[in-house]
Amino acid sequence: MEGQNRAAISPGLKVKIVLKKDQRTGVLTEGIVKDILTKSPSHPHGIKVRLEDGQVGRVKQILRP
């Protein structure tokens, strides 16, 4: 899964994340990365980010332009 490596994610990148409330259903939310919240270089469930609209979740997909 591409959202597991911190090096692949940077502010301004368009991504799809799963919010905490949507973890059971797997519903993805699209947005632009504002902040990277995970400090470790990788995470098995996806790197945690904050989107520009303030939502926080784990990256499941990186959207290519």
N, C-alpha and C. Protein backbone atom coordinates (compact mmCIF):
# COMPACT_ATOMS: atom_id res chain seq x y z
N MET A 1 0.85 -1.19 0.00
CA MET A 1 0.00 0.00 0.00
C MET A 1 0.89 1.24 0.00
N GLU A 2 0.60 2.16 -0.88
CA GLU A 2 1.48 3.32 -1.06
C GLU A 2 1.42 4.34 0.08
N GLY A 3 0.37 4.35 0.86
CA GLY A 3 0.23 5.31 1.95
C GLY A 3 0.95 4.92 3.23
N GLN A 4 1.74 3.85 3.20
CA GLN A 4 2.42 3.38 4.40
C GLN A 4 3.79 4.02 4.61
N ASN A 5 4.36 4.63 3.59
CA ASN A 5 5.70 5.21 3.69
C ASN A 5 5.62 6.73 3.79
N ARG A 6 6.21 7.28 4.84
CA ARG A 6 6.17 8.72 5.09
C ARG A 6 6.88 9.50 3.98
N ALA A 7 7.94 8.92 3.42
CA ALA A 7 8.72 9.60 2.39
C ALA A 7 7.90 9.88 1.12
N ALA A 8 6.85 9.10 0.89
CA ALA A 8 6.04 9.25 -0.32
C ALA A 8 4.97 10.34 -0.17
N ILE A 9 4.84 10.89 1.03
CA ILE A 9 3.77 11.86 1.32
C ILE A 9 4.37 13.20 1.68
N SER A 10 3.81 14.26 1.10
CA SER A 10 4.28 15.61 1.41
C SER A 10 3.10 16.58 1.39
N PRO A 11 3.22 17.70 2.11
CA PRO A 11 2.15 18.70 2.08
C PRO A 11 1.86 19.15 0.65
N GLY A 12 0.57 19.32 0.35
CA GLY A 12 0.16 19.73 -0.98
C GLY A 12 -0.22 18.57 -1.88
N LEU A 13 0.04 17.35 -1.44
CA LEU A 13 -0.27 16.16 -2.21
C LEU A 13 -1.75 15.81 -2.08
N LYS A 14 -2.38 15.39 -3.18
CA LYS A 14 -3.78 14.98 -3.15
C LYS A 14 -3.84 13.50 -2.80
N VAL A 15 -4.61 13.17 -1.76
CA VAL A 15 -4.68 11.80 -1.26
C VAL A 15 -6.11 11.40 -0.91
N LYS A 16 -6.31 10.11 -0.70
CA LYS A 16 -7.56 9.60 -0.14
C LYS A 16 -7.20 8.99 1.21
N ILE A 17 -7.95 9.40 2.24
CA ILE A 17 -7.70 8.90 3.59
C ILE A 17 -8.94 8.21 4.13
N VAL A 18 -8.73 7.39 5.16
CA VAL A 18 -9.87 6.83 5.90
C VAL A 18 -9.90 7.53 7.25
N LEU A 19 -11.04 8.12 7.57
CA LEU A 19 -11.23 8.81 8.84
C LEU A 19 -11.47 7.77 9.94
N LYS A 20 -11.22 8.15 11.19
CA LYS A 20 -11.42 7.25 12.33
C LYS A 20 -12.84 6.69 12.34
N LYS A 21 -13.83 7.54 12.09
CA LYS A 21 -15.23 7.11 12.12
C LYS A 21 -15.59 6.18 10.97
N ASP A 22 -14.77 6.18 9.91
CA ASP A 22 -15.05 5.36 8.72
C ASP A 22 -14.18 4.10 8.64
N GLN A 23 -13.40 3.80 9.70
CA GLN A 23 -12.50 2.66 9.63
C GLN A 23 -13.23 1.34 9.44
N ARG A 24 -14.40 1.19 10.04
CA ARG A 24 -15.16 -0.06 9.89
C ARG A 24 -15.71 -0.22 8.47
N THR A 25 -16.18 0.87 7.88
CA THR A 25 -16.79 0.80 6.55
C THR A 25 -15.76 0.93 5.43
N GLY A 26 -14.63 1.58 5.72
CA GLY A 26 -13.60 1.76 4.70
C GLY A 26 -13.88 2.90 3.73
N VAL A 27 -14.84 3.77 4.07
CA VAL A 27 -15.17 4.91 3.21
C VAL A 27 -13.97 5.85 3.15
N LEU A 28 -13.58 6.25 1.93
CA LEU A 28 -12.42 7.11 1.75
C LEU A 28 -12.84 8.56 1.55
N THR A 29 -12.03 9.48 2.07
CA THR A 29 -12.24 10.91 1.95
C THR A 29 -11.07 11.50 1.19
N GLU A 30 -11.37 12.29 0.17
CA GLU A 30 -10.32 12.89 -0.67
C GLU A 30 -9.98 14.29 -0.19
N GLY A 31 -8.70 14.64 -0.27
CA GLY A 31 -8.29 15.98 0.12
C GLY A 31 -6.82 16.22 -0.12
N ILE A 32 -6.38 17.43 0.25
CA ILE A 32 -4.99 17.86 0.09
C ILE A 32 -4.31 17.82 1.45
N VAL A 33 -3.11 17.21 1.52
CA VAL A 33 -2.36 17.09 2.78
C VAL A 33 -1.89 18.47 3.24
N LYS A 34 -2.19 18.79 4.51
CA LYS A 34 -1.68 20.01 5.13
C LYS A 34 -0.50 19.68 6.03
N ASP A 35 -0.68 18.68 6.92
CA ASP A 35 0.36 18.28 7.88
C ASP A 35 0.48 16.77 7.90
N ILE A 36 1.70 16.27 8.11
CA ILE A 36 1.94 14.85 8.34
C ILE A 36 2.07 14.66 9.85
N LEU A 37 1.23 13.80 10.42
CA LEU A 37 1.17 13.64 11.86
C LEU A 37 1.98 12.44 12.37
N THR A 38 2.20 11.44 11.53
CA THR A 38 2.99 10.27 11.93
C THR A 38 4.46 10.62 11.87
N LYS A 39 5.18 10.34 12.96
CA LYS A 39 6.61 10.68 13.03
C LYS A 39 7.50 9.56 12.48
N SER A 40 7.05 8.30 12.58
CA SER A 40 7.88 7.18 12.13
C SER A 40 7.94 7.14 10.60
N PRO A 41 8.99 6.52 10.03
CA PRO A 41 9.14 6.48 8.57
C PRO A 41 8.08 5.64 7.85
N SER A 42 7.44 4.72 8.57
CA SER A 42 6.36 3.93 7.97
C SER A 42 5.37 3.51 9.04
N HIS A 43 4.16 3.13 8.59
CA HIS A 43 3.14 2.66 9.51
C HIS A 43 2.28 1.64 8.76
N PRO A 44 2.01 0.48 9.36
CA PRO A 44 1.27 -0.58 8.65
C PRO A 44 -0.15 -0.21 8.24
N HIS A 45 -0.78 0.73 8.95
CA HIS A 45 -2.17 1.11 8.62
C HIS A 45 -2.24 2.39 7.79
N GLY A 46 -1.10 2.97 7.45
CA GLY A 46 -1.07 4.21 6.68
C GLY A 46 -0.59 5.37 7.53
N ILE A 47 0.05 6.31 6.88
CA ILE A 47 0.57 7.50 7.56
C ILE A 47 -0.60 8.42 7.91
N LYS A 48 -0.62 8.90 9.15
CA LYS A 48 -1.70 9.78 9.60
C LYS A 48 -1.39 11.21 9.16
N VAL A 49 -2.38 11.86 8.53
CA VAL A 49 -2.22 13.23 8.03
C VAL A 49 -3.43 14.07 8.41
N ARG A 50 -3.22 15.39 8.36
CA ARG A 50 -4.32 16.35 8.50
C ARG A 50 -4.51 16.98 7.12
N LEU A 51 -5.75 17.00 6.65
CA LEU A 51 -6.05 17.62 5.36
C LEU A 51 -6.23 19.13 5.55
N GLU A 52 -6.25 19.85 4.44
CA GLU A 52 -6.41 21.31 4.50
C GLU A 52 -7.74 21.72 5.13
N ASP A 53 -8.76 20.86 5.04
CA ASP A 53 -10.05 21.18 5.65
C ASP A 53 -10.13 20.78 7.12
N GLY A 54 -9.01 20.25 7.68
CA GLY A 54 -8.94 19.93 9.10
C GLY A 54 -9.22 18.48 9.46
N GLN A 55 -9.69 17.68 8.51
CA GLN A 55 -9.97 16.27 8.80
C GLN A 55 -8.67 15.49 8.97
N VAL A 56 -8.68 14.50 9.88
CA VAL A 56 -7.49 13.71 10.17
C VAL A 56 -7.79 12.24 9.89
N GLY A 57 -6.86 11.59 9.20
CA GLY A 57 -7.03 10.17 8.93
C GLY A 57 -5.76 9.57 8.38
N ARG A 58 -5.82 8.28 8.04
CA ARG A 58 -4.66 7.56 7.53
C ARG A 58 -4.73 7.44 6.02
N VAL A 59 -3.60 7.69 5.36
CA VAL A 59 -3.54 7.68 3.89
C VAL A 59 -3.72 6.25 3.37
N LYS A 60 -4.67 6.08 2.45
CA LYS A 60 -4.89 4.79 1.81
C LYS A 60 -4.50 4.84 0.33
N GLN A 61 -4.61 6.01 -0.29
CA GLN A 61 -4.23 6.16 -1.70
C GLN A 61 -3.59 7.52 -1.92
N ILE A 62 -2.57 7.53 -2.78
CA ILE A 62 -1.98 8.79 -3.23
C ILE A 62 -2.48 8.99 -4.65
N LEU A 63 -3.11 10.14 -4.91
CA LEU A 63 -3.67 10.40 -6.22
C LEU A 63 -2.64 11.10 -7.10
N ARG A 64 -2.36 10.52 -8.22
CA ARG A 64 -1.40 11.09 -9.17
C ARG A 64 -2.10 12.16 -10.01
N PRO A 65 -1.40 13.24 -10.32
CA PRO A 65 -2.02 14.28 -11.14
C PRO A 65 -2.29 13.84 -12.57
